[in-house]
Amino acid sequence: MANTVNLEEFAASAGRELEPSDWMRIEQQRIDEFAHATEDFQFIHVDPDRAARTPFRGTIAHGFLTLSLVSHLNQQTMILPEGLLMAINYGSDKVRYLQPVRVGDRVRTRQTILQVSPRKPGQWLLKRSVQVEIEGQRKAALNAEILTMYVIS
């Protein structure tokens, strides 16, 4: 659950590792819906019979689907400054897809705050290291640095 803190604590949060998010199961329906939204119908994602004959032995989530879930999963345990008006996705650095997420896998995020930087008055840029973990796997599905702009009153 997101935690609201005063601005002083928020500004001093670099180096803080946050609790992991809840687990989320990746089902074929979510993958199919993502394929429709992005027009990415590569068989490895949407054709279970054909994908079963690959080294993956079944369909896998799009890498960008896995990345897109980071916002939802991260917000569950994020710290937020008091007076928050909005949080804006500001970008991603060093995104790496390390292993596929298979249908039926459960994923969660683990995040560490790397940097908190004041920008214009009322704006703070937060940089986080994020891993998308797969339940039961030692190797993460994805590593990224995520940037979020927080606008406070």
C-alpha atoms as a PDB file:
ATOM      1  CA  MET A   1       0.000   0.000   0.000  1.00  0.00           C
ATOM      2  CA  ALA A   2       1.329   3.442  -0.934  1.00  0.00           C
ATOM      3  CA  ASN A   3       2.636   5.449   1.999  1.00  0.00           C
ATOM      4  CA  THR A   4       2.374   9.248   2.243  1.00  0.00           C
ATOM      5  CA  VAL A   5       5.334  10.965   3.911  1.00  0.00           C
ATOM      6  CA  ASN A   6       6.293  14.569   4.590  1.00  0.00           C
ATOM      7  CA  LEU A   7       8.391  16.348   1.989  1.00  0.00           C
ATOM      8  CA  GLU A   8      11.555  16.154   4.098  1.00  0.00           C
ATOM      9  CA  GLU A   9      11.323  12.364   4.369  1.00  0.00           C
ATOM     10  CA  PHE A  10      10.451  12.086   0.671  1.00  0.00           C
ATOM     11  CA  ALA A  11      13.449  14.236  -0.315  1.00  0.00           C
ATOM     12  CA  ALA A  12      15.760  12.046   1.812  1.00  0.00           C
ATOM     13  CA  SER A  13      14.480   8.689   0.516  1.00  0.00           C
ATOM     14  CA  ALA A  14      17.332   7.909  -1.931  1.00  0.00           C
ATOM     15  CA  GLY A  15      18.727   4.458  -1.187  1.00  0.00           C
ATOM     16  CA  ARG A  16      15.484   3.241   0.342  1.00  0.00           C
ATOM     17  CA  GLU A  17      14.300  -0.210  -0.744  1.00  0.00           C
ATOM     18  CA  LEU A  18      10.529  -0.474  -0.714  1.00  0.00           C
ATOM     19  CA  GLU A  19       8.395  -3.496   0.064  1.00  0.00           C
ATOM     20  CA  PRO A  20       7.632  -5.702  -2.949  1.00  0.00           C
ATOM     21  CA  SER A  21       4.260  -5.358  -4.634  1.00  0.00           C
ATOM     22  CA  ASP A  22       1.569  -8.007  -4.546  1.00  0.00           C
ATOM     23  CA  TRP A  23       1.851 -10.878  -7.003  1.00  0.00           C
ATOM     24  CA  MET A  24      -0.099 -10.635 -10.268  1.00  0.00           C
ATOM     25  CA  ARG A  25      -0.854 -13.675 -12.432  1.00  0.00           C
ATOM     26  CA  ILE A  26      -0.340 -13.197 -16.173  1.00  0.00           C
ATOM     27  CA  GLU A  27      -3.137 -14.871 -18.102  1.00  0.00           C
ATOM     28  CA  GLN A  28      -3.537 -15.383 -21.838  1.00  0.00           C
ATOM     29  CA  GLN A  29      -6.503 -13.012 -21.930  1.00  0.00           C
ATOM     30  CA  ARG A  30      -4.321 -10.114 -20.703  1.00  0.00           C
ATOM     31  CA  ILE A  31      -1.690 -10.957 -23.353  1.00  0.00           C
ATOM     32  CA  ASP A  32      -4.353 -11.139 -26.086  1.00  0.00           C
ATOM     33  CA  GLU A  33      -5.827  -7.786 -24.999  1.00  0.00           C
ATOM     34  CA  PHE A  34      -2.361  -6.222 -25.081  1.00  0.00           C
ATOM     35  CA  ALA A  35      -1.803  -7.654 -28.573  1.00  0.00           C
ATOM     36  CA  HIS A  36      -5.037  -6.018 -29.735  1.00  0.00           C
ATOM     37  CA  ALA A  37      -4.140  -2.685 -28.116  1.00  0.00           C
ATOM     38  CA  THR A  38      -0.674  -2.613 -29.704  1.00  0.00           C
ATOM     39  CA  GLU A  39      -1.324  -4.512 -32.953  1.00  0.00           C
ATOM     40  CA  ASP A  40       1.492  -6.910 -31.979  1.00  0.00           C
ATOM     41  CA  PHE A  41       0.181 -10.358 -32.880  1.00  0.00           C
ATOM     42  CA  GLN A  42       3.459 -12.245 -33.038  1.00  0.00           C
ATOM     43  CA  PHE A  43       2.574 -15.932 -32.637  1.00  0.00           C
ATOM     44  CA  ILE A  44       4.824 -16.395 -29.591  1.00  0.00           C
ATOM     45  CA  HIS A  45       2.299 -14.259 -27.685  1.00  0.00           C
ATOM     46  CA  VAL A  46      -1.080 -15.218 -29.132  1.00  0.00           C
ATOM     47  CA  ASP A  47      -0.926 -18.731 -30.638  1.00  0.00           C
ATOM     48  CA  PRO A  48      -0.593 -21.336 -27.849  1.00  0.00           C
ATOM     49  CA  ASP A  49      -0.363 -24.297 -30.266  1.00  0.00           C
ATOM     50  CA  ARG A  50       2.403 -22.818 -32.373  1.00  0.00           C
ATOM     51  CA  ALA A  51       4.210 -21.332 -29.343  1.00  0.00           C
ATOM     52  CA  ALA A  52       4.198 -24.778 -27.705  1.00  0.00           C
ATOM     53  CA  ARG A  53       6.617 -25.923 -30.431  1.00  0.00           C
ATOM     54  CA  THR A  54       9.208 -23.265 -29.516  1.00  0.00           C
ATOM     55  CA  PRO A  55      11.864 -23.429 -26.797  1.00  0.00           C
ATOM     56  CA  PHE A  56       9.399 -21.474 -24.580  1.00  0.00           C
ATOM     57  CA  ARG A  57       6.911 -24.384 -24.796  1.00  0.00           C
ATOM     58  CA  GLY A  58       3.975 -21.955 -24.698  1.00  0.00           C
ATOM     59  CA  THR A  59       2.967 -18.353 -25.106  1.00  0.00           C
ATOM     60  CA  ILE A  60       4.833 -15.565 -23.347  1.00  0.00           C
ATOM     61  CA  ALA A  61       3.918 -11.999 -22.430  1.00  0.00           C
ATOM     62  CA  HIS A  62       5.115  -9.157 -24.597  1.00  0.00           C
ATOM     63  CA  GLY A  63       8.121  -7.447 -23.040  1.00  0.00           C
ATOM     64  CA  PHE A  64       6.297  -4.132 -23.288  1.00  0.00           C
ATOM     65  CA  LEU A  65       3.306  -5.672 -21.481  1.00  0.00           C
ATOM     66  CA  THR A  66       5.599  -6.611 -18.603  1.00  0.00           C
ATOM     67  CA  LEU A  67       7.051  -3.092 -18.597  1.00  0.00           C
ATOM     68  CA  SER A  68       3.581  -1.521 -18.724  1.00  0.00           C
ATOM     69  CA  LEU A  69       2.557  -3.323 -15.518  1.00  0.00           C
ATOM     70  CA  VAL A  70       5.353  -1.619 -13.555  1.00  0.00           C
ATOM     71  CA  SER A  71       3.245   1.517 -12.909  1.00  0.00           C
ATOM     72  CA  HIS A  72       0.363  -0.458 -11.413  1.00  0.00           C
ATOM     73  CA  LEU A  73       2.565  -2.753  -9.353  1.00  0.00           C
ATOM     74  CA  ASN A  74       4.905   0.001  -8.105  1.00  0.00           C
ATOM     75  CA  GLN A  75       2.093   2.261  -6.917  1.00  0.00           C
ATOM     76  CA  GLN A  76       1.063  -0.391  -4.386  1.00  0.00           C
ATOM     77  CA  THR A  77       4.138   0.224  -2.209  1.00  0.00           C
ATOM     78  CA  MET A  78       5.438   3.600  -3.346  1.00  0.00           C
ATOM     79  CA  ILE A  79       6.100   6.458  -0.965  1.00  0.00           C
ATOM     80  CA  LEU A  80       4.323   9.662  -1.936  1.00  0.00           C
ATOM     81  CA  PRO A  81       4.958  13.229  -0.777  1.00  0.00           C
ATOM     82  CA  GLU A  82       2.271  15.056   1.149  1.00  0.00           C
ATOM     83  CA  GLY A  83       0.363  17.463  -1.052  1.00  0.00           C
ATOM     84  CA  LEU A  84       0.756  15.327  -4.172  1.00  0.00           C
ATOM     85  CA  LEU A  85      -1.271  16.743  -7.068  1.00  0.00           C
ATOM     86  CA  MET A  86      -0.119  14.248  -9.704  1.00  0.00           C
ATOM     87  CA  ALA A  87       2.589  11.794 -10.633  1.00  0.00           C
ATOM     88  CA  ILE A  88       3.733  11.790 -14.262  1.00  0.00           C
ATOM     89  CA  ASN A  89       5.625   9.026 -16.058  1.00  0.00           C
ATOM     90  CA  TYR A  90       8.811  10.837 -17.036  1.00  0.00           C
ATOM     91  CA  GLY A  91      10.669   8.007 -18.754  1.00  0.00           C
ATOM     92  CA  SER A  92      12.643   4.810 -18.407  1.00  0.00           C
ATOM     93  CA  ASP A  93      16.387   4.203 -18.489  1.00  0.00           C
ATOM     94  CA  LYS A  94      18.338   0.987 -19.000  1.00  0.00           C
ATOM     95  CA  VAL A  95      15.343  -1.277 -19.604  1.00  0.00           C
ATOM     96  CA  ARG A  96      16.472  -4.891 -19.966  1.00  0.00           C
ATOM     97  CA  TYR A  97      14.323  -7.961 -20.573  1.00  0.00           C
ATOM     98  CA  LEU A  98      16.147 -10.834 -18.898  1.00  0.00           C
ATOM     99  CA  GLN A  99      13.748 -13.739 -19.289  1.00  0.00           C
ATOM    100  CA  PRO A 100      10.221 -14.265 -20.604  1.00  0.00           C
ATOM    101  CA  VAL A 101       7.066 -14.207 -18.531  1.00  0.00           C
ATOM    102  CA  ARG A 102       5.039 -17.296 -19.388  1.00  0.00           C
ATOM    103  CA  VAL A 103       1.267 -17.599 -19.275  1.00  0.00           C
ATOM    104  CA  GLY A 104       0.305 -18.497 -15.716  1.00  0.00           C
ATOM    105  CA  ASP A 105       3.430 -16.946 -14.150  1.00  0.00           C
ATOM    106  CA  ARG A 106       2.976 -14.570 -11.243  1.00  0.00           C
ATOM    107  CA  VAL A 107       5.022 -11.379 -11.257  1.00  0.00           C
ATOM    108  CA  ARG A 108       5.686  -8.569  -8.791  1.00  0.00           C
ATOM    109  CA  THR A 109       7.928  -5.543  -8.601  1.00  0.00           C
ATOM    110  CA  ARG A 110      10.710  -4.761  -6.191  1.00  0.00           C
ATOM    111  CA  GLN A 111      11.938  -1.176  -6.240  1.00  0.00           C
ATOM    112  CA  THR A 112      14.709   0.902  -4.735  1.00  0.00           C
ATOM    113  CA  ILE A 113      14.715   4.684  -4.817  1.00  0.00           C
ATOM    114  CA  LEU A 114      17.966   5.773  -6.451  1.00  0.00           C
ATOM    115  CA  GLN A 115      17.604   9.533  -6.566  1.00  0.00           C
ATOM    116  CA  VAL A 116      15.176  12.283  -5.528  1.00  0.00           C
ATOM    117  CA  SER A 117      15.875  15.615  -7.237  1.00  0.00           C
ATOM    118  CA  PRO A 118      14.058  18.914  -6.860  1.00  0.00           C
ATOM    119  CA  ARG A 119      13.204  20.517 -10.195  1.00  0.00           C
ATOM    120  CA  LYS A 120      11.042  23.603 -10.617  1.00  0.00           C
ATOM    121  CA  PRO A 121       9.212  24.738  -7.473  1.00  0.00           C
ATOM    122  CA  GLY A 122       6.687  22.052  -6.554  1.00  0.00           C
ATOM    123  CA  GLN A 123       8.271  19.416  -8.822  1.00  0.00           C
ATOM    124  CA  TRP A 124      10.424  16.480  -7.755  1.00  0.00           C
ATOM    125  CA  LEU A 125      11.988  13.898 -10.073  1.00  0.00           C
ATOM    126  CA  LEU A 126      12.281  10.430  -8.592  1.00  0.00           C
ATOM    127  CA  LYS A 127      14.503   7.736 -10.135  1.00  0.00           C
ATOM    128  CA  ARG A 128      13.924   4.121  -9.082  1.00  0.00           C
ATOM    129  CA  SER A 129      15.580   0.825  -9.831  1.00  0.00           C
ATOM    130  CA  VAL A 130      12.820  -1.666 -10.565  1.00  0.00           C
ATOM    131  CA  GLN A 131      12.911  -5.423 -10.959  1.00  0.00           C
ATOM    132  CA  VAL A 132       9.978  -7.455 -12.175  1.00  0.00           C
ATOM    133  CA  GLU A 133      10.336 -10.790 -10.420  1.00  0.00           C
ATOM    134  CA  ILE A 134       8.766 -14.070 -11.485  1.00  0.00           C
ATOM    135  CA  GLU A 135       7.552 -16.243  -8.638  1.00  0.00           C
ATOM    136  CA  GLY A 136       9.820 -19.241  -8.157  1.00  0.00           C
ATOM    137  CA  GLN A 137      12.550 -17.911 -10.470  1.00  0.00           C
ATOM    138  CA  ARG A 138      15.955 -16.643  -9.382  1.00  0.00           C
ATOM    139  CA  LYS A 139      16.385 -14.450 -12.451  1.00  0.00           C
ATOM    140  CA  ALA A 140      14.187 -11.366 -12.891  1.00  0.00           C
ATOM    141  CA  ALA A 141      12.024 -10.895 -15.959  1.00  0.00           C
ATOM    142  CA  LEU A 142      12.976  -7.245 -16.299  1.00  0.00           C
ATOM    143  CA  ASN A 143      15.319  -4.643 -14.819  1.00  0.00           C
ATOM    144  CA  ALA A 144      14.770  -0.940 -15.428  1.00  0.00           C
ATOM    145  CA  GLU A 145      15.322   2.509 -14.070  1.00  0.00           C
ATOM    146  CA  ILE A 146      11.997   4.341 -13.942  1.00  0.00           C
ATOM    147  CA  LEU A 147      11.626   8.132 -13.726  1.00  0.00           C
ATOM    148  CA  THR A 148       8.543   9.785 -12.235  1.00  0.00           C
ATOM    149  CA  MET A 149       7.835  13.498 -11.876  1.00  0.00           C
ATOM    150  CA  TYR A 150       5.863  14.361  -8.747  1.00  0.00           C
ATOM    151  CA  VAL A 151       3.956  17.641  -8.703  1.00  0.00           C
ATOM    152  CA  ILE A 152       3.024  18.827  -5.228  1.00  0.00           C
ATOM    153  CA  SER A 153       1.035  21.758  -3.919  1.00  0.00           C
END
